[in-house]
N, C-alpha and C. Protein backbone atom coordinates (compact mmCIF):
# COMPACT_ATOMS: atom_id res chain seq x y z
N MET A 1 117.49 98.92 77.14
CA MET A 1 117.76 99.27 78.51
C MET A 1 118.92 98.45 79.05
N ARG A 2 118.92 97.19 78.78
CA ARG A 2 119.96 96.29 79.27
C ARG A 2 121.33 96.67 78.70
N LEU A 3 121.39 97.11 77.45
CA LEU A 3 122.65 97.48 76.83
C LEU A 3 123.26 98.71 77.49
N ARG A 4 122.46 99.57 78.05
CA ARG A 4 122.97 100.77 78.72
C ARG A 4 123.55 100.44 80.09
N ILE A 5 123.07 99.44 80.73
CA ILE A 5 123.52 99.07 82.08
C ILE A 5 124.90 98.42 82.02
N ILE A 6 125.18 97.64 81.01
CA ILE A 6 126.45 96.92 80.92
C ILE A 6 127.64 97.87 80.96
N PRO A 7 127.70 98.94 80.16
CA PRO A 7 128.85 99.84 80.25
C PRO A 7 128.98 100.49 81.63
N VAL A 8 127.87 100.80 82.24
CA VAL A 8 127.91 101.41 83.57
C VAL A 8 128.50 100.43 84.58
N VAL A 9 128.13 99.19 84.49
CA VAL A 9 128.65 98.16 85.39
C VAL A 9 130.15 97.97 85.15
N VAL A 10 130.57 97.92 83.91
CA VAL A 10 131.98 97.74 83.58
C VAL A 10 132.81 98.91 84.13
N VAL A 11 132.35 100.11 83.93
CA VAL A 11 133.07 101.29 84.42
C VAL A 11 133.12 101.28 85.95
N THR A 12 132.02 100.96 86.59
CA THR A 12 131.97 100.93 88.04
C THR A 12 132.94 99.89 88.60
N VAL A 13 132.95 98.71 88.04
CA VAL A 13 133.87 97.66 88.47
C VAL A 13 135.31 98.11 88.26
N GLY A 14 135.57 98.74 87.14
CA GLY A 14 136.92 99.24 86.87
C GLY A 14 137.36 100.28 87.88
N LEU A 15 136.48 101.17 88.25
CA LEU A 15 136.81 102.19 89.24
C LEU A 15 137.03 101.59 90.62
N LEU A 16 136.22 100.60 90.96
CA LEU A 16 136.38 99.96 92.26
C LEU A 16 137.67 99.15 92.33
N ALA A 17 138.09 98.59 91.22
CA ALA A 17 139.30 97.77 91.20
C ALA A 17 140.58 98.60 91.19
N THR A 18 140.50 99.86 90.81
CA THR A 18 141.68 100.73 90.76
C THR A 18 141.91 101.34 92.13
N PRO A 19 143.14 101.23 92.66
CA PRO A 19 143.39 101.84 93.97
C PRO A 19 143.38 103.36 93.86
N PRO A 20 143.08 104.03 94.96
CA PRO A 20 143.09 105.49 94.95
C PRO A 20 144.47 106.01 94.56
N PRO A 21 144.55 107.19 93.95
CA PRO A 21 145.83 107.73 93.48
C PRO A 21 146.89 107.84 94.57
N HIS A 22 146.49 108.17 95.79
CA HIS A 22 147.49 108.33 96.85
C HIS A 22 148.14 107.02 97.26
N THR A 23 147.53 105.87 96.93
CA THR A 23 148.14 104.59 97.27
C THR A 23 148.98 104.04 96.13
N LEU A 24 148.86 104.59 94.94
CA LEU A 24 149.65 104.09 93.82
C LEU A 24 151.14 104.29 94.06
N ALA A 25 151.51 105.40 94.62
CA ALA A 25 152.93 105.65 94.89
C ALA A 25 153.46 104.69 95.93
N GLN A 26 152.62 104.26 96.84
CA GLN A 26 153.05 103.33 97.88
C GLN A 26 153.20 101.92 97.35
N THR A 27 152.47 101.55 96.33
CA THR A 27 152.53 100.18 95.84
C THR A 27 153.68 99.95 94.88
N THR A 28 154.22 101.00 94.28
CA THR A 28 155.35 100.83 93.40
C THR A 28 156.61 101.08 94.20
N SER A 29 157.39 100.02 94.42
CA SER A 29 158.58 100.15 95.25
C SER A 29 159.79 100.44 94.38
N PRO A 30 160.71 101.24 94.92
CA PRO A 30 161.93 101.51 94.17
C PRO A 30 162.79 100.26 94.13
N LYS A 31 163.79 100.29 93.27
CA LYS A 31 164.68 99.15 93.13
C LYS A 31 165.35 98.87 94.48
N THR A 32 165.39 97.61 94.87
CA THR A 32 165.97 97.21 96.13
C THR A 32 167.48 97.39 96.10
N THR A 33 168.01 97.99 97.14
CA THR A 33 169.45 98.16 97.23
C THR A 33 170.04 97.03 98.08
N THR A 34 171.36 96.90 98.03
CA THR A 34 171.99 95.85 98.83
C THR A 34 171.79 96.14 100.32
N GLY A 35 171.75 97.40 100.71
CA GLY A 35 171.48 97.73 102.10
C GLY A 35 170.09 97.27 102.51
N ASP A 36 169.14 97.36 101.59
CA ASP A 36 167.78 96.89 101.87
C ASP A 36 167.77 95.39 102.12
N VAL A 37 168.56 94.65 101.35
CA VAL A 37 168.62 93.20 101.51
C VAL A 37 169.19 92.86 102.88
N GLY A 38 170.26 93.56 103.28
CA GLY A 38 170.84 93.32 104.59
C GLY A 38 169.86 93.62 105.71
N GLN A 39 169.13 94.72 105.58
CA GLN A 39 168.12 95.08 106.57
C GLN A 39 167.02 94.03 106.61
N LYS A 40 166.59 93.60 105.44
CA LYS A 40 165.53 92.58 105.35
C LYS A 40 166.00 91.28 105.99
N ALA A 41 167.28 90.92 105.78
CA ALA A 41 167.82 89.69 106.37
C ALA A 41 167.78 89.77 107.88
N SER A 42 168.15 90.91 108.41
CA SER A 42 168.13 91.10 109.85
C SER A 42 166.71 90.99 110.39
N GLU A 43 165.78 91.65 109.70
CA GLU A 43 164.38 91.62 110.12
C GLU A 43 163.80 90.21 110.00
N THR A 44 164.15 89.51 108.92
CA THR A 44 163.64 88.16 108.72
C THR A 44 164.16 87.22 109.79
N GLY A 45 165.47 87.31 110.07
CA GLY A 45 166.05 86.48 111.12
C GLY A 45 165.37 86.71 112.45
N GLN A 46 165.13 87.97 112.80
CA GLN A 46 164.48 88.28 114.06
C GLN A 46 163.03 87.81 114.06
N ALA A 47 162.35 88.00 112.94
CA ALA A 47 160.95 87.58 112.86
C ALA A 47 160.83 86.08 113.05
N ILE A 48 161.71 85.32 112.43
CA ILE A 48 161.67 83.85 112.57
C ILE A 48 161.96 83.47 114.03
N ARG A 49 162.92 84.15 114.65
CA ARG A 49 163.24 83.85 116.05
C ARG A 49 162.06 84.13 116.98
N ASP A 50 161.21 85.08 116.60
CA ASP A 50 160.08 85.46 117.45
C ASP A 50 158.90 84.49 117.36
N TYR A 51 158.87 83.66 116.34
CA TYR A 51 157.76 82.71 116.21
C TYR A 51 157.85 81.61 117.26
N THR A 52 156.71 81.24 117.78
CA THR A 52 156.65 80.11 118.70
C THR A 52 156.32 78.86 117.90
N VAL A 53 156.51 77.71 118.51
CA VAL A 53 156.23 76.46 117.80
C VAL A 53 154.76 76.37 117.40
N GLU A 54 153.90 77.02 118.15
CA GLU A 54 152.47 77.03 117.80
C GLU A 54 152.21 77.78 116.50
N LYS A 55 153.10 78.67 116.14
CA LYS A 55 152.97 79.45 114.90
C LYS A 55 153.93 78.93 113.83
N LYS A 56 154.25 77.66 113.90
CA LYS A 56 155.23 77.07 112.99
C LYS A 56 154.85 77.26 111.52
N ASP A 57 153.61 77.07 111.17
CA ASP A 57 153.18 77.21 109.78
C ASP A 57 153.43 78.62 109.26
N GLU A 58 153.16 79.61 110.10
CA GLU A 58 153.42 81.00 109.71
C GLU A 58 154.92 81.26 109.54
N ALA A 59 155.70 80.70 110.44
CA ALA A 59 157.16 80.86 110.37
C ALA A 59 157.71 80.24 109.09
N VAL A 60 157.23 79.07 108.75
CA VAL A 60 157.69 78.39 107.54
C VAL A 60 157.28 79.19 106.31
N ALA A 61 156.07 79.71 106.28
CA ALA A 61 155.61 80.52 105.15
C ALA A 61 156.48 81.77 105.02
N HIS A 62 156.79 82.40 106.14
CA HIS A 62 157.64 83.60 106.14
C HIS A 62 159.03 83.25 105.61
N ALA A 63 159.58 82.15 106.07
CA ALA A 63 160.90 81.71 105.63
C ALA A 63 160.92 81.39 104.14
N LYS A 64 159.89 80.73 103.67
CA LYS A 64 159.81 80.40 102.24
C LYS A 64 159.72 81.67 101.39
N GLN A 65 158.92 82.61 101.83
CA GLN A 65 158.77 83.86 101.09
C GLN A 65 160.10 84.61 101.04
N ALA A 66 160.78 84.68 102.16
CA ALA A 66 162.06 85.41 102.22
C ALA A 66 163.10 84.77 101.31
N THR A 67 163.18 83.45 101.32
CA THR A 67 164.17 82.78 100.45
C THR A 67 163.77 82.90 98.99
N ALA A 68 162.49 82.90 98.70
CA ALA A 68 162.04 83.06 97.31
C ALA A 68 162.39 84.45 96.78
N GLU A 69 162.28 85.46 97.62
CA GLU A 69 162.63 86.82 97.21
C GLU A 69 164.12 86.92 96.89
N LEU A 70 164.94 86.30 97.73
CA LEU A 70 166.38 86.31 97.46
C LEU A 70 166.71 85.47 96.23
N GLU A 71 165.97 84.40 96.02
CA GLU A 71 166.17 83.56 94.83
C GLU A 71 165.97 84.39 93.56
N ALA A 72 164.95 85.21 93.55
CA ALA A 72 164.68 86.07 92.38
C ALA A 72 165.83 87.05 92.17
N LYS A 73 166.36 87.59 93.24
CA LYS A 73 167.48 88.53 93.14
C LYS A 73 168.74 87.81 92.64
N ILE A 74 168.92 86.58 93.07
CA ILE A 74 170.07 85.80 92.61
C ILE A 74 169.95 85.53 91.11
N LYS A 75 168.74 85.25 90.65
CA LYS A 75 168.52 85.03 89.22
C LYS A 75 168.85 86.28 88.41
N ASP A 76 168.54 87.44 88.97
CA ASP A 76 168.90 88.70 88.30
C ASP A 76 170.41 88.82 88.18
N LEU A 77 171.12 88.50 89.25
CA LEU A 77 172.59 88.55 89.20
C LEU A 77 173.13 87.54 88.19
N GLU A 78 172.50 86.38 88.14
CA GLU A 78 172.92 85.35 87.20
C GLU A 78 172.76 85.83 85.75
N ALA A 79 171.68 86.54 85.50
CA ALA A 79 171.46 87.09 84.15
C ALA A 79 172.52 88.14 83.83
N GLN A 80 172.89 88.94 84.80
CA GLN A 80 173.95 89.93 84.60
C GLN A 80 175.28 89.24 84.34
N ALA A 81 175.55 88.17 85.09
CA ALA A 81 176.81 87.44 84.94
C ALA A 81 176.92 86.81 83.55
N ALA A 82 175.81 86.38 83.00
CA ALA A 82 175.81 85.76 81.68
C ALA A 82 176.25 86.73 80.59
N LYS A 83 176.07 88.02 80.83
CA LYS A 83 176.43 89.04 79.85
C LYS A 83 177.89 89.46 79.94
N GLN A 84 178.56 89.04 81.00
CA GLN A 84 179.94 89.45 81.20
C GLN A 84 180.89 88.55 80.40
N THR A 85 182.13 88.99 80.31
CA THR A 85 183.14 88.22 79.57
C THR A 85 184.43 88.14 80.37
N GLY A 86 185.25 87.19 79.98
CA GLY A 86 186.60 87.06 80.51
C GLY A 86 186.68 86.77 81.99
N GLU A 87 187.67 87.39 82.62
CA GLU A 87 187.95 87.16 84.03
C GLU A 87 186.79 87.61 84.92
N LEU A 88 186.15 88.68 84.54
CA LEU A 88 185.00 89.19 85.29
C LEU A 88 183.87 88.17 85.30
N LYS A 89 183.65 87.53 84.16
CA LYS A 89 182.60 86.51 84.08
C LYS A 89 182.93 85.32 84.97
N ALA A 90 184.18 84.89 84.97
CA ALA A 90 184.60 83.76 85.80
C ALA A 90 184.40 84.09 87.29
N LYS A 91 184.76 85.29 87.69
CA LYS A 91 184.60 85.71 89.08
C LYS A 91 183.11 85.76 89.45
N SER A 92 182.32 86.30 88.55
CA SER A 92 180.87 86.40 88.79
C SER A 92 180.24 85.02 88.90
N GLN A 93 180.66 84.11 88.03
CA GLN A 93 180.10 82.76 88.08
C GLN A 93 180.47 82.05 89.38
N ALA A 94 181.68 82.31 89.90
CA ALA A 94 182.08 81.74 91.18
C ALA A 94 181.19 82.28 92.30
N GLN A 95 180.88 83.57 92.25
CA GLN A 95 180.00 84.16 93.26
C GLN A 95 178.60 83.56 93.16
N ILE A 96 178.12 83.38 91.96
CA ILE A 96 176.79 82.78 91.76
C ILE A 96 176.78 81.36 92.31
N LYS A 97 177.84 80.62 92.06
CA LYS A 97 177.93 79.24 92.57
C LYS A 97 177.86 79.24 94.10
N ASP A 98 178.58 80.17 94.73
CA ASP A 98 178.56 80.29 96.18
C ASP A 98 177.15 80.66 96.67
N LEU A 99 176.51 81.58 95.97
CA LEU A 99 175.15 81.97 96.34
C LEU A 99 174.19 80.79 96.24
N LYS A 100 174.34 80.00 95.21
CA LYS A 100 173.45 78.84 95.04
C LYS A 100 173.67 77.82 96.15
N ALA A 101 174.91 77.64 96.57
CA ALA A 101 175.20 76.71 97.67
C ALA A 101 174.56 77.22 98.97
N LYS A 102 174.68 78.51 99.22
CA LYS A 102 174.08 79.10 100.42
C LYS A 102 172.56 79.07 100.33
N ARG A 103 172.02 79.26 99.13
CA ARG A 103 170.57 79.17 98.94
C ARG A 103 170.08 77.76 99.23
N ALA A 104 170.84 76.77 98.78
CA ALA A 104 170.47 75.37 99.03
C ALA A 104 170.47 75.09 100.53
N LYS A 105 171.45 75.63 101.23
CA LYS A 105 171.51 75.43 102.68
C LYS A 105 170.32 76.10 103.35
N ALA A 106 169.98 77.31 102.92
CA ALA A 106 168.82 78.00 103.50
C ALA A 106 167.54 77.22 103.21
N SER A 107 167.42 76.66 102.02
CA SER A 107 166.24 75.86 101.68
C SER A 107 166.16 74.61 102.55
N GLN A 108 167.33 74.01 102.81
CA GLN A 108 167.37 72.84 103.68
C GLN A 108 166.91 73.22 105.09
N LYS A 109 167.31 74.39 105.53
CA LYS A 109 166.91 74.86 106.87
C LYS A 109 165.41 75.16 106.93
N VAL A 110 164.83 75.60 105.82
CA VAL A 110 163.38 75.79 105.77
C VAL A 110 162.69 74.45 105.94
N THR A 111 163.21 73.42 105.28
CA THR A 111 162.65 72.07 105.41
C THR A 111 162.76 71.59 106.85
N GLU A 112 163.93 71.82 107.47
CA GLU A 112 164.11 71.43 108.87
C GLU A 112 163.14 72.20 109.76
N LEU A 113 162.92 73.45 109.45
CA LEU A 113 161.98 74.27 110.21
C LEU A 113 160.57 73.69 110.11
N SER A 114 160.20 73.27 108.91
CA SER A 114 158.85 72.73 108.72
C SER A 114 158.67 71.38 109.41
N ARG A 115 159.75 70.66 109.62
CA ARG A 115 159.68 69.34 110.27
C ARG A 115 159.99 69.38 111.75
N ALA A 116 160.30 70.55 112.26
CA ALA A 116 160.71 70.68 113.66
C ALA A 116 159.60 70.28 114.62
N THR A 117 160.03 69.65 115.69
CA THR A 117 159.11 69.31 116.78
C THR A 117 159.24 70.39 117.85
N LYS A 118 158.44 70.29 118.86
CA LYS A 118 158.52 71.26 119.95
C LYS A 118 159.92 71.26 120.55
N ALA A 119 160.52 70.06 120.66
CA ALA A 119 161.85 69.94 121.26
C ALA A 119 162.95 70.53 120.37
N SER A 120 162.77 70.46 119.05
CA SER A 120 163.83 70.93 118.14
C SER A 120 163.54 72.31 117.54
N TRP A 121 162.46 72.94 117.95
CA TRP A 121 162.02 74.20 117.35
C TRP A 121 163.06 75.30 117.47
N GLU A 122 163.59 75.53 118.64
CA GLU A 122 164.54 76.63 118.84
C GLU A 122 165.78 76.43 117.97
N LYS A 123 166.29 75.22 117.92
CA LYS A 123 167.47 74.93 117.11
C LYS A 123 167.17 75.13 115.62
N ALA A 124 166.00 74.72 115.19
CA ALA A 124 165.61 74.87 113.78
C ALA A 124 165.47 76.35 113.42
N LYS A 125 164.89 77.14 114.31
CA LYS A 125 164.75 78.58 114.04
C LYS A 125 166.11 79.24 113.91
N GLU A 126 166.99 78.94 114.82
CA GLU A 126 168.35 79.52 114.78
C GLU A 126 169.09 79.07 113.52
N GLY A 127 168.92 77.80 113.16
CA GLY A 127 169.57 77.29 111.96
C GLY A 127 169.12 78.02 110.71
N PHE A 128 167.83 78.25 110.59
CA PHE A 128 167.34 78.98 109.43
C PHE A 128 167.82 80.43 109.47
N ALA A 129 167.70 81.08 110.61
CA ALA A 129 168.10 82.49 110.71
C ALA A 129 169.57 82.67 110.33
N ASP A 130 170.42 81.76 110.80
CA ASP A 130 171.84 81.84 110.47
C ASP A 130 172.09 81.61 108.98
N ALA A 131 171.44 80.60 108.42
CA ALA A 131 171.62 80.28 106.99
C ALA A 131 171.11 81.42 106.12
N TYR A 132 169.98 81.99 106.49
CA TYR A 132 169.42 83.10 105.71
C TYR A 132 170.31 84.32 105.80
N ARG A 133 170.83 84.62 106.98
CA ARG A 133 171.74 85.75 107.15
C ARG A 133 173.00 85.56 106.30
N ASP A 134 173.54 84.34 106.27
CA ASP A 134 174.71 84.06 105.44
C ASP A 134 174.40 84.26 103.96
N LEU A 135 173.24 83.79 103.54
CA LEU A 135 172.83 83.95 102.14
C LEU A 135 172.67 85.42 101.79
N ALA A 136 172.00 86.17 102.64
CA ALA A 136 171.78 87.60 102.37
C ALA A 136 173.09 88.36 102.35
N SER A 137 173.99 88.01 103.24
CA SER A 137 175.30 88.67 103.29
C SER A 137 176.09 88.37 102.01
N ALA A 138 176.06 87.11 101.58
CA ALA A 138 176.75 86.74 100.34
C ALA A 138 176.13 87.45 99.14
N TYR A 139 174.82 87.59 99.15
CA TYR A 139 174.15 88.31 98.07
C TYR A 139 174.60 89.77 98.06
N ASP A 140 174.63 90.40 99.23
CA ASP A 140 175.05 91.80 99.31
C ASP A 140 176.45 91.98 98.72
N LYS A 141 177.37 91.08 99.09
CA LYS A 141 178.74 91.17 98.58
C LYS A 141 178.76 91.01 97.06
N ALA A 142 178.03 90.02 96.56
CA ALA A 142 178.00 89.76 95.12
C ALA A 142 177.38 90.94 94.37
N ALA A 143 176.28 91.45 94.88
CA ALA A 143 175.61 92.58 94.23
C ALA A 143 176.52 93.80 94.19
N ALA A 144 177.27 94.02 95.25
CA ALA A 144 178.21 95.14 95.29
C ALA A 144 179.31 94.96 94.24
N GLU A 145 179.77 93.75 94.06
CA GLU A 145 180.78 93.46 93.05
C GLU A 145 180.24 93.68 91.63
N PHE A 146 179.01 93.33 91.42
CA PHE A 146 178.40 93.49 90.10
C PHE A 146 178.24 94.96 89.74
N LYS A 147 178.10 95.82 90.75
CA LYS A 147 177.92 97.24 90.48
C LYS A 147 179.22 97.93 90.09
N LYS A 148 180.34 97.30 90.37
CA LYS A 148 181.65 97.93 90.08
C LYS A 148 181.90 98.01 88.61
């Protein structure tokens, strides 16, 4: 009797863990375009500006997530640049270097955001939003160049 129950339990758990078919299409996102990154940068900057100092932890988590997403995209570009040769490779590596510098600045602004006091909160939010927008813009330019 016990041996018959185990397969039923396994199948039931499997069915419960699988999302309904109509949500599967929603969970698989298409490849992100450079326009999507620009839109996301705008939304992220605005979202960070909307946080109050009382919601600082949420703002910092949002900022970290946004920069981590761009970091992954930068790594993809870096992998593409590694496959290039000659003058194109040199140009791509220069763009990657610029992206890394802007990423470092955005990361520094996340740290400043996390350490901000009530008095410095507005300045810290603006600093991160500006640095993130610069990083996203540089990424968009680099990604467009890689597509050529």
